[in-house]
PDB file of all heavy atoms in Angstrom:
ATOM      1  N   GLU A   1      89.902  65.190 247.741  1.00  0.00           N
ATOM      2  CA  GLU A   1      90.400  66.032 246.647  1.00  0.00           C
ATOM      3  C   GLU A   1      91.617  66.844 247.083  1.00  0.00           C
ATOM      4  O   GLU A   1      92.611  66.930 246.350  1.00  0.00           O
ATOM      5  CB  GLU A   1      89.287  66.961 246.154  1.00  0.00           C
ATOM      6  CG  GLU A   1      88.175  66.228 245.435  1.00  0.00           C
ATOM      7  CD  GLU A   1      86.948  67.087 245.169  1.00  0.00           C
ATOM      8  OE1 GLU A   1      87.014  68.326 245.356  1.00  0.00           O
ATOM      9  OE2 GLU A   1      85.909  66.510 244.780  1.00  0.00           O
ATOM     10  N   ILE A   2      91.547  67.440 248.261  1.00  0.00           N
ATOM     11  CA  ILE A   2      92.677  68.231 248.766  1.00  0.00           C
ATOM     12  C   ILE A   2      93.895  67.344 248.974  1.00  0.00           C
ATOM     13  O   ILE A   2      95.011  67.702 248.603  1.00  0.00           O
ATOM     14  CB  ILE A   2      92.290  68.970 250.067  1.00  0.00           C
ATOM     15  CG1 ILE A   2      91.241  70.051 249.768  1.00  0.00           C
ATOM     16  CG2 ILE A   2      93.524  69.580 250.737  1.00  0.00           C
ATOM     17  CD1 ILE A   2      90.570  70.631 250.995  1.00  0.00           C
ATOM     18  N   TRP A   3      93.690  66.162 249.564  1.00  0.00           N
ATOM     19  CA  TRP A   3      94.815  65.255 249.805  1.00  0.00           C
ATOM     20  C   TRP A   3      95.498  64.877 248.488  1.00  0.00           C
ATOM     21  O   TRP A   3      96.714  64.901 248.393  1.00  0.00           O
ATOM     22  CB  TRP A   3      94.345  64.003 250.552  1.00  0.00           C
ATOM     23  CG  TRP A   3      95.455  63.020 250.718  1.00  0.00           C
ATOM     24  CD1 TRP A   3      96.506  63.107 251.582  1.00  0.00           C
ATOM     25  CD2 TRP A   3      95.643  61.831 249.961  1.00  0.00           C
ATOM     26  NE1 TRP A   3      97.342  62.026 251.413  1.00  0.00           N
ATOM     27  CE2 TRP A   3      96.836  61.230 250.419  1.00  0.00           C
ATOM     28  CE3 TRP A   3      94.931  61.211 248.943  1.00  0.00           C
ATOM     29  CZ2 TRP A   3      97.312  60.040 249.895  1.00  0.00           C
ATOM     30  CZ3 TRP A   3      95.405  60.026 248.422  1.00  0.00           C
ATOM     31  CH2 TRP A   3      96.590  59.455 248.901  1.00  0.00           C
ATOM     32  N   LYS A   4      94.708  64.540 247.487  1.00  0.00           N
ATOM     33  CA  LYS A   4      95.277  64.138 246.195  1.00  0.00           C
ATOM     34  C   LYS A   4      96.040  65.276 245.521  1.00  0.00           C
ATOM     35  O   LYS A   4      97.080  65.050 244.909  1.00  0.00           O
ATOM     36  CB  LYS A   4      94.175  63.632 245.264  1.00  0.00           C
ATOM     37  CG  LYS A   4      93.664  62.270 245.650  1.00  0.00           C
ATOM     38  CD  LYS A   4      92.542  61.834 244.728  1.00  0.00           C
ATOM     39  CE  LYS A   4      92.022  60.467 245.147  1.00  0.00           C
ATOM     40  NZ  LYS A   4      90.878  60.048 244.309  1.00  0.00           N
ATOM     41  N   GLU A   5      95.519  66.498 245.626  1.00  0.00           N
ATOM     42  CA  GLU A   5      96.126  67.636 244.946  1.00  0.00           C
ATOM     43  C   GLU A   5      97.309  68.243 245.701  1.00  0.00           C
ATOM     44  O   GLU A   5      98.278  68.685 245.107  1.00  0.00           O
ATOM     45  CB  GLU A   5      95.080  68.728 244.714  1.00  0.00           C
ATOM     46  CG  GLU A   5      94.011  68.354 243.730  1.00  0.00           C
ATOM     47  CD  GLU A   5      92.881  69.370 243.665  1.00  0.00           C
ATOM     48  OE1 GLU A   5      93.011  70.456 244.263  1.00  0.00           O
ATOM     49  OE2 GLU A   5      91.860  69.066 243.018  1.00  0.00           O
ATOM     50  N   GLN A   6      97.220  68.284 247.040  1.00  0.00           N
ATOM     51  CA  GLN A   6      98.196  69.058 247.804  1.00  0.00           C
ATOM     52  C   GLN A   6      99.116  68.224 248.689  1.00  0.00           C
ATOM     53  O   GLN A   6     100.128  68.729 249.154  1.00  0.00           O
ATOM     54  CB  GLN A   6      97.463  70.106 248.649  1.00  0.00           C
ATOM     55  CG  GLN A   6      96.680  71.063 247.796  1.00  0.00           C
ATOM     56  CD  GLN A   6      96.005  72.144 248.612  1.00  0.00           C
ATOM     57  OE1 GLN A   6      96.467  72.525 249.679  1.00  0.00           O
ATOM     58  NE2 GLN A   6      94.900  72.655 248.114  1.00  0.00           N
ATOM     59  N   ARG A   7      98.776  67.000 248.981  1.00  0.00           N
ATOM     60  CA  ARG A   7      99.576  66.124 249.850  1.00  0.00           C
ATOM     61  C   ARG A   7     100.062  66.855 251.103  1.00  0.00           C
ATOM     62  O   ARG A   7     101.253  67.154 251.252  1.00  0.00           O
ATOM     63  CB  ARG A   7     100.750  65.523 249.093  1.00  0.00           C
ATOM     64  CG  ARG A   7     100.359  64.646 247.921  1.00  0.00           C
ATOM     65  CD  ARG A   7      99.606  63.416 248.382  1.00  0.00           C
ATOM     66  NE  ARG A   7      99.067  62.698 247.233  1.00  0.00           N
ATOM     67  CZ  ARG A   7      99.142  61.398 247.055  1.00  0.00           C
ATOM     68  NH1 ARG A   7      99.688  60.650 247.967  1.00  0.00           N
ATOM     69  NH2 ARG A   7      98.630  60.852 245.988  1.00  0.00           N
ATOM     70  N   PRO A   8      99.148  67.162 252.015  1.00  0.00           N
ATOM     71  CA  PRO A   8      99.531  67.884 253.235  1.00  0.00           C
ATOM     72  C   PRO A   8     100.518  67.084 254.086  1.00  0.00           C
ATOM     73  O   PRO A   8     100.645  65.862 253.933  1.00  0.00           O
ATOM     74  CB  PRO A   8      98.193  68.067 253.962  1.00  0.00           C
ATOM     75  CG  PRO A   8      97.337  66.964 253.454  1.00  0.00           C
ATOM     76  CD  PRO A   8      97.748  66.748 252.028  1.00  0.00           C
ATOM     77  N   ASP A   9     101.183  67.771 254.987  1.00  0.00           N
ATOM     78  CA  ASP A   9     102.167  67.137 255.859  1.00  0.00           C
ATOM     79  C   ASP A   9     101.513  66.391 257.016  1.00  0.00           C
ATOM     80  O   ASP A   9     102.126  65.494 257.602  1.00  0.00           O
ATOM     81  CB  ASP A   9     103.119  68.203 256.420  1.00  0.00           C
ATOM     82  CG  ASP A   9     103.898  68.870 255.304  1.00  0.00           C
ATOM     83  OD1 ASP A   9     104.691  68.169 254.645  1.00  0.00           O
ATOM     84  OD2 ASP A   9     103.684  70.068 255.071  1.00  0.00           O
ATOM     85  N   LEU A  10     100.275  66.761 257.358  1.00  0.00           N
ATOM     86  CA  LEU A  10      99.553  66.120 258.457  1.00  0.00           C
ATOM     87  C   LEU A  10      98.057  66.322 258.232  1.00  0.00           C
ATOM     88  O   LEU A  10      97.649  67.346 257.677  1.00  0.00           O
ATOM     89  CB  LEU A  10      99.951  66.735 259.798  1.00  0.00           C
ATOM     90  CG  LEU A  10      99.288  66.129 261.041  1.00  0.00           C
ATOM     91  CD1 LEU A  10     100.323  65.917 262.143  1.00  0.00           C
ATOM     92  CD2 LEU A  10      98.173  67.019 261.551  1.00  0.00           C
ATOM     93  N   ILE A  11      97.260  65.332 258.670  1.00  0.00           N
ATOM     94  CA  ILE A  11      95.810  65.430 258.533  1.00  0.00           C
ATOM     95  C   ILE A  11      95.166  65.290 259.908  1.00  0.00           C
ATOM     96  O   ILE A  11      95.457  64.340 260.646  1.00  0.00           O
ATOM     97  CB  ILE A  11      95.267  64.330 257.596  1.00  0.00           C
ATOM     98  CG1 ILE A  11      95.914  64.437 256.218  1.00  0.00           C
ATOM     99  CG2 ILE A  11      93.741  64.407 257.506  1.00  0.00           C
ATOM    100  CD1 ILE A  11      95.641  63.264 255.298  1.00  0.00           C
ATOM    101  N   LEU A  12      94.318  66.250 260.244  1.00  0.00           N
ATOM    102  CA  LEU A  12      93.449  66.164 261.423  1.00  0.00           C
ATOM    103  C   LEU A  12      92.108  65.704 260.882  1.00  0.00           C
ATOM    104  O   LEU A  12      91.479  66.420 260.090  1.00  0.00           O
ATOM    105  CB  LEU A  12      93.319  67.519 262.109  1.00  0.00           C
ATOM    106  CG  LEU A  12      94.604  68.073 262.717  1.00  0.00           C
ATOM    107  CD1 LEU A  12      94.383  69.492 263.218  1.00  0.00           C
ATOM    108  CD2 LEU A  12      95.081  67.184 263.847  1.00  0.00           C
ATOM    109  N   LEU A  13      91.667  64.518 261.269  1.00  0.00           N
ATOM    110  CA  LEU A  13      90.545  63.868 260.602  1.00  0.00           C
ATOM    111  C   LEU A  13      89.441  63.475 261.576  1.00  0.00           C
ATOM    112  O   LEU A  13      89.650  62.637 262.456  1.00  0.00           O
ATOM    113  CB  LEU A  13      91.074  62.621 259.873  1.00  0.00           C
ATOM    114  CG  LEU A  13      90.099  61.761 259.094  1.00  0.00           C
ATOM    115  CD1 LEU A  13      89.400  62.573 258.008  1.00  0.00           C
ATOM    116  CD2 LEU A  13      90.854  60.579 258.483  1.00  0.00           C
ATOM    117  N   ASP A  14      88.283  64.100 261.400  1.00  0.00           N
ATOM    118  CA  ASP A  14      87.107  63.723 262.179  1.00  0.00           C
ATOM    119  C   ASP A  14      86.673  62.337 261.715  1.00  0.00           C
ATOM    120  O   ASP A  14      86.750  62.015 260.526  1.00  0.00           O
ATOM    121  CB  ASP A  14      85.992  64.747 261.937  1.00  0.00           C
ATOM    122  CG  ASP A  14      84.786  64.578 262.840  1.00  0.00           C
ATOM    123  OD1 ASP A  14      84.818  63.722 263.746  1.00  0.00           O
ATOM    124  OD2 ASP A  14      83.809  65.305 262.638  1.00  0.00           O
ATOM    125  N   VAL A  15      86.213  61.513 262.636  1.00  0.00           N
ATOM    126  CA  VAL A  15      85.771  60.169 262.283  1.00  0.00           C
ATOM    127  C   VAL A  15      84.368  60.193 261.691  1.00  0.00           C
ATOM    128  O   VAL A  15      84.090  59.526 260.702  1.00  0.00           O
ATOM    129  CB  VAL A  15      85.840  59.233 263.509  1.00  0.00           C
ATOM    130  CG1 VAL A  15      85.202  57.886 263.207  1.00  0.00           C
ATOM    131  CG2 VAL A  15      87.285  59.043 263.953  1.00  0.00           C
ATOM    132  N   ASN A  16      83.470  60.964 262.279  1.00  0.00           N
ATOM    133  CA  ASN A  16      82.070  60.988 261.853  1.00  0.00           C
ATOM    134  C   ASN A  16      81.791  62.212 261.002  1.00  0.00           C
ATOM    135  O   ASN A  16      81.655  63.322 261.513  1.00  0.00           O
ATOM    136  CB  ASN A  16      81.157  60.987 263.083  1.00  0.00           C
ATOM    137  CG  ASN A  16      81.400  59.779 263.961  1.00  0.00           C
ATOM    138  OD1 ASN A  16      81.389  58.652 263.488  1.00  0.00           O
ATOM    139  ND2 ASN A  16      81.632  60.015 265.229  1.00  0.00           N
ATOM    140  N   LEU A  17      81.716  61.994 259.705  1.00  0.00           N
ATOM    141  CA  LEU A  17      81.470  63.082 258.762  1.00  0.00           C
ATOM    142  C   LEU A  17      80.150  62.842 258.032  1.00  0.00           C
ATOM    143  O   LEU A  17      79.674  61.706 257.976  1.00  0.00           O
ATOM    144  CB  LEU A  17      82.637  63.183 257.777  1.00  0.00           C
ATOM    145  CG  LEU A  17      83.940  63.661 258.436  1.00  0.00           C
ATOM    146  CD1 LEU A  17      85.149  63.230 257.643  1.00  0.00           C
ATOM    147  CD2 LEU A  17      83.907  65.168 258.614  1.00  0.00           C
ATOM    148  N   PRO A  18      79.551  63.887 257.467  1.00  0.00           N
ATOM    149  CA  PRO A  18      78.232  63.728 256.857  1.00  0.00           C
ATOM    150  C   PRO A  18      78.198  62.744 255.691  1.00  0.00           C
ATOM    151  O   PRO A  18      77.166  62.134 255.428  1.00  0.00           O
ATOM    152  CB  PRO A  18      77.859  65.138 256.398  1.00  0.00           C
ATOM    153  CG  PRO A  18      79.072  65.967 256.521  1.00  0.00           C
ATOM    154  CD  PRO A  18      80.028  65.266 257.419  1.00  0.00           C
ATOM    155  N   ASP A  19      79.312  62.558 255.001  1.00  0.00           N
ATOM    156  CA  ASP A  19      79.330  61.663 253.848  1.00  0.00           C
ATOM    157  C   ASP A  19      80.111  60.378 254.097  1.00  0.00           C
ATOM    158  O   ASP A  19      80.517  59.696 253.159  1.00  0.00           O
ATOM    159  CB  ASP A  19      79.838  62.390 252.600  1.00  0.00           C
ATOM    160  CG  ASP A  19      81.217  63.008 252.763  1.00  0.00           C
ATOM    161  OD1 ASP A  19      81.672  63.194 253.915  1.00  0.00           O
ATOM    162  OD2 ASP A  19      81.851  63.319 251.735  1.00  0.00           O
ATOM    163  N   GLY A  20      80.347  60.032 255.366  1.00  0.00           N
ATOM    164  CA  GLY A  20      80.994  58.754 255.656  1.00  0.00           C
ATOM    165  C   GLY A  20      81.938  58.815 256.839  1.00  0.00           C
ATOM    166  O   GLY A  20      81.931  59.775 257.611  1.00  0.00           O
ATOM    167  N   SER A  21      82.754  57.785 256.928  1.00  0.00           N
ATOM    168  CA  SER A  21      83.668  57.633 258.059  1.00  0.00           C
ATOM    169  C   SER A  21      85.091  58.060 257.707  1.00  0.00           C
ATOM    170  O   SER A  21      85.628  57.651 256.667  1.00  0.00           O
ATOM    171  CB  SER A  21      83.684  56.168 258.506  1.00  0.00           C
ATOM    172  OG  SER A  21      84.726  55.950 259.437  1.00  0.00           O
ATOM    173  N   GLY A  22      85.684  58.837 258.598  1.00  0.00           N
ATOM    174  CA  GLY A  22      87.085  59.219 258.432  1.00  0.00           C
ATOM    175  C   GLY A  22      88.010  58.011 258.445  1.00  0.00           C
ATOM    176  O   GLY A  22      89.083  58.035 257.844  1.00  0.00           O
ATOM    177  N   ILE A  23      87.597  56.940 259.124  1.00  0.00           N
ATOM    178  CA  ILE A  23      88.400  55.704 259.154  1.00  0.00           C
ATOM    179  C   ILE A  23      88.564  55.162 257.733  1.00  0.00           C
ATOM    180  O   ILE A  23      89.638  54.692 257.359  1.00  0.00           O
ATOM    181  CB  ILE A  23      87.742  54.642 260.060  1.00  0.00           C
ATOM    182  CG1 ILE A  23      87.617  55.144 261.498  1.00  0.00           C
ATOM    183  CG2 ILE A  23      88.492  53.319 259.984  1.00  0.00           C
ATOM    184  CD1 ILE A  23      88.869  55.148 262.320  1.00  0.00           C
ATOM    185  N   ASP A  24      87.508  55.247 256.920  1.00  0.00           N
ATOM    186  CA  ASP A  24      87.585  54.776 255.534  1.00  0.00           C
ATOM    187  C   ASP A  24      88.564  55.613 254.719  1.00  0.00           C
ATOM    188  O   ASP A  24      89.357  55.067 253.938  1.00  0.00           O
ATOM    189  CB  ASP A  24      86.206  54.803 254.873  1.00  0.00           C
ATOM    190  CG  ASP A  24      85.233  53.827 255.516  1.00  0.00           C
ATOM    191  OD1 ASP A  24      85.689  52.829 256.127  1.00  0.00           O
ATOM    192  OD2 ASP A  24      84.014  54.059 255.414  1.00  0.00           O
ATOM    193  N   LEU A  25      88.526  56.928 254.896  1.00  0.00           N
ATOM    194  CA  LEU A  25      89.482  57.789 254.189  1.00  0.00           C
ATOM    195  C   LEU A  25      90.904  57.492 254.649  1.00  0.00           C
ATOM    196  O   LEU A  25      91.822  57.423 253.835  1.00  0.00           O
ATOM    197  CB  LEU A  25      89.158  59.267 254.403  1.00  0.00           C
ATOM    198  CG  LEU A  25      90.145  60.246 253.765  1.00  0.00           C
ATOM    199  CD1 LEU A  25      90.196  60.065 252.246  1.00  0.00           C
ATOM    200  CD2 LEU A  25      89.799  61.683 254.124  1.00  0.00           C
ATOM    201  N   MET A  26      91.081  57.279 255.943  1.00  0.00           N
ATOM    202  CA  MET A  26      92.407  56.966 256.456  1.00  0.00           C
ATOM    203  C   MET A  26      92.936  55.669 255.816  1.00  0.00           C
ATOM    204  O   MET A  26      94.107  55.605 255.419  1.00  0.00           O
ATOM    205  CB  MET A  26      92.379  56.837 257.983  1.00  0.00           C
ATOM    206  CG  MET A  26      93.741  56.547 258.581  1.00  0.00           C
ATOM    207  SD  MET A  26      93.731  56.593 260.380  1.00  0.00           S
ATOM    208  CE  MET A  26      92.618  55.243 260.765  1.00  0.00           C
ATOM    209  N   ALA A  27      92.085  54.660 255.693  1.00  0.00           N
ATOM    210  CA  ALA A  27      92.504  53.403 255.069  1.00  0.00           C
ATOM    211  C   ALA A  27      92.915  53.628 253.612  1.00  0.00           C
ATOM    212  O   ALA A  27      93.903  53.056 253.138  1.00  0.00           O
ATOM    213  CB  ALA A  27      91.369  52.378 255.154  1.00  0.00           C
ATOM    214  N   GLU A  28      92.177  54.480 252.923  1.00  0.00           N
ATOM    215  CA  GLU A  28      92.503  54.810 251.532  1.00  0.00           C
ATOM    216  C   GLU A  28      93.868  55.492 251.446  1.00  0.00           C
ATOM    217  O   GLU A  28      94.706  55.142 250.615  1.00  0.00           O
ATOM    218  CB  GLU A  28      91.410  55.721 250.980  1.00  0.00           C
ATOM    219  CG  GLU A  28      91.538  56.074 249.541  1.00  0.00           C
ATOM    220  CD  GLU A  28      90.394  56.976 249.091  1.00  0.00           C
ATOM    221  OE1 GLU A  28      89.255  56.797 249.551  1.00  0.00           O
ATOM    222  OE2 GLU A  28      90.671  57.881 248.273  1.00  0.00           O
ATOM    223  N   ILE A  29      94.104  56.455 252.316  1.00  0.00           N
ATOM    224  CA  ILE A  29      95.376  57.173 252.332  1.00  0.00           C
ATOM    225  C   ILE A  29      96.517  56.230 252.680  1.00  0.00           C
ATOM    226  O   ILE A  29      97.595  56.284 252.077  1.00  0.00           O
ATOM    227  CB  ILE A  29      95.314  58.363 253.316  1.00  0.00           C
ATOM    228  CG1 ILE A  29      94.371  59.443 252.764  1.00  0.00           C
ATOM    229  CG2 ILE A  29      96.707  58.940 253.588  1.00  0.00           C
ATOM    230  CD1 ILE A  29      94.031  60.536 253.754  1.00  0.00           C
ATOM    231  N   ARG A  30      96.304  55.352 253.634  1.00  0.00           N
ATOM    232  CA  ARG A  30      97.355  54.428 254.077  1.00  0.00           C
ATOM    233  C   ARG A  30      97.798  53.480 252.971  1.00  0.00           C
ATOM    234  O   ARG A  30      98.899  52.946 253.014  1.00  0.00           O
ATOM    235  CB  ARG A  30      96.894  53.622 255.302  1.00  0.00           C
ATOM    236  CG  ARG A  30      96.868  54.445 256.574  1.00  0.00           C
ATOM    237  CD  ARG A  30      98.310  54.804 256.982  1.00  0.00           C
ATOM    238  NE  ARG A  30      98.324  55.632 258.154  1.00  0.00           N
ATOM    239  CZ  ARG A  30      98.672  56.904 258.178  1.00  0.00           C
ATOM    240  NH1 ARG A  30      99.033  57.520 257.074  1.00  0.00           N
ATOM    241  NH2 ARG A  30      98.697  57.580 259.301  1.00  0.00           N
ATOM    242  N   ARG A  31      96.982  53.274 251.967  1.00  0.00           N
ATOM    243  CA  ARG A  31      97.401  52.433 250.831  1.00  0.00           C
ATOM    244  C   ARG A  31      98.496  53.113 250.026  1.00  0.00           C
ATOM    245  O   ARG A  31      99.235  52.451 249.297  1.00  0.00           O
ATOM    246  CB  ARG A  31      96.214  52.118 249.936  1.00  0.00           C
ATOM    247  CG  ARG A  31      95.251  51.121 250.554  1.00  0.00           C
ATOM    248  CD  ARG A  31      94.296  50.546 249.529  1.00  0.00           C
ATOM    249  NE  ARG A  31      93.514  51.549 248.835  1.00  0.00           N
ATOM    250  CZ  ARG A  31      92.248  51.861 249.118  1.00  0.00           C
ATOM    251  NH1 ARG A  31      91.626  51.254 250.096  1.00  0.00           N
ATOM    252  NH2 ARG A  31      91.616  52.773 248.406  1.00  0.00           N
ATOM    253  N   PHE A  32      98.597  54.452 250.130  1.00  0.00           N
ATOM    254  CA  PHE A  32      99.543  55.195 249.313  1.00  0.00           C
ATOM    255  C   PHE A  32     100.705  55.805 250.085  1.00  0.00           C
ATOM    256  O   PHE A  32     101.803  55.909 249.550  1.00  0.00           O
ATOM    257  CB  PHE A  32      98.809  56.318 248.552  1.00  0.00           C
ATOM    258  CG  PHE A  32      97.766  55.792 247.618  1.00  0.00           C
ATOM    259  CD1 PHE A  32      96.431  55.802 247.978  1.00  0.00           C
ATOM    260  CD2 PHE A  32      98.123  55.252 246.397  1.00  0.00           C
ATOM    261  CE1 PHE A  32      95.462  55.296 247.117  1.00  0.00           C
ATOM    262  CE2 PHE A  32      97.170  54.742 245.531  1.00  0.00           C
ATOM    263  CZ  PHE A  32      95.836  54.768 245.902  1.00  0.00           C
ATOM    264  N   ASP A  33     100.468  56.271 251.306  1.00  0.00           N
ATOM    265  CA  ASP A  33     101.576  56.879 252.043  1.00  0.00           C
ATOM    266  C   ASP A  33     101.339  56.885 253.552  1.00  0.00           C
ATOM    267  O   ASP A  33     100.317  56.422 254.033  1.00  0.00           O
ATOM    268  CB  ASP A  33     101.895  58.290 251.520  1.00  0.00           C
ATOM    269  CG  ASP A  33     100.874  59.345 251.875  1.00  0.00           C
ATOM    270  OD1 ASP A  33     100.310  59.331 252.974  1.00  0.00           O
ATOM    271  OD2 ASP A  33     100.655  60.221 251.035  1.00  0.00           O
ATOM    272  N   ARG A  34     102.310  57.422 254.264  1.00  0.00           N
ATOM    273  CA  ARG A  34     102.306  57.402 255.730  1.00  0.00           C
ATOM    274  C   ARG A  34     102.120  58.802 256.309  1.00  0.00           C
ATOM    275  O   ARG A  34     102.609  59.092 257.404  1.00  0.00           O
ATOM    276  CB  ARG A  34     103.617  56.794 256.252  1.00  0.00           C
ATOM    277  CG  ARG A  34     103.919  55.388 255.797  1.00  0.00           C
ATOM    278  CD  ARG A  34     102.876  54.362 256.126  1.00  0.00           C
ATOM    279  NE  ARG A  34     102.569  54.283 257.548  1.00  0.00           N
ATOM    280  CZ  ARG A  34     101.525  53.656 258.051  1.00  0.00           C
ATOM    281  NH1 ARG A  34     100.675  53.059 257.263  1.00  0.00           N
ATOM    282  NH2 ARG A  34     101.312  53.637 259.341  1.00  0.00           N
ATOM    283  N   THR A  35     101.411  59.674 255.621  1.00  0.00           N
ATOM    284  CA  THR A  35     101.115  61.004 256.154  1.00  0.00           C
ATOM    285  C   THR A  35     100.574  60.865 257.580  1.00  0.00           C
ATOM    286  O   THR A  35      99.658  60.078 257.809  1.00  0.00           O
ATOM    287  CB  THR A  35     100.047  61.707 255.278  1.00  0.00           C
ATOM    288  OG1 THR A  35     100.543  61.814 253.947  1.00  0.00           O
ATOM    289  CG2 THR A  35      99.704  63.079 255.823  1.00  0.00           C
ATOM    290  N   PRO A  36     101.131  61.588 258.545  1.00  0.00           N
ATOM    291  CA  PRO A  36     100.585  61.496 259.910  1.00  0.00           C
ATOM    292  C   PRO A  36      99.118  61.905 259.942  1.00  0.00           C
ATOM    293  O   PRO A  36      98.729  62.914 259.347  1.00  0.00           O
ATOM    294  CB  PRO A  36     101.438  62.475 260.712  1.00  0.00           C
ATOM    295  CG  PRO A  36     102.683  62.667 259.914  1.00  0.00           C
ATOM    296  CD  PRO A  36     102.275  62.494 258.477  1.00  0.00           C
TER     297      PRO A  36
END
C-alpha cells in the first residue's frame, strides 16, 4: 500500500515477513519500476 501510494526512492525489504516473502513483493515491484 505504501509503495503504491508514495513510490519511495528506496526500499529496505525483509525477506521473511508474517504474511509472505519479500521476494514476491520485489518481483511485483520489478514489473513496474526499478526502485532500488
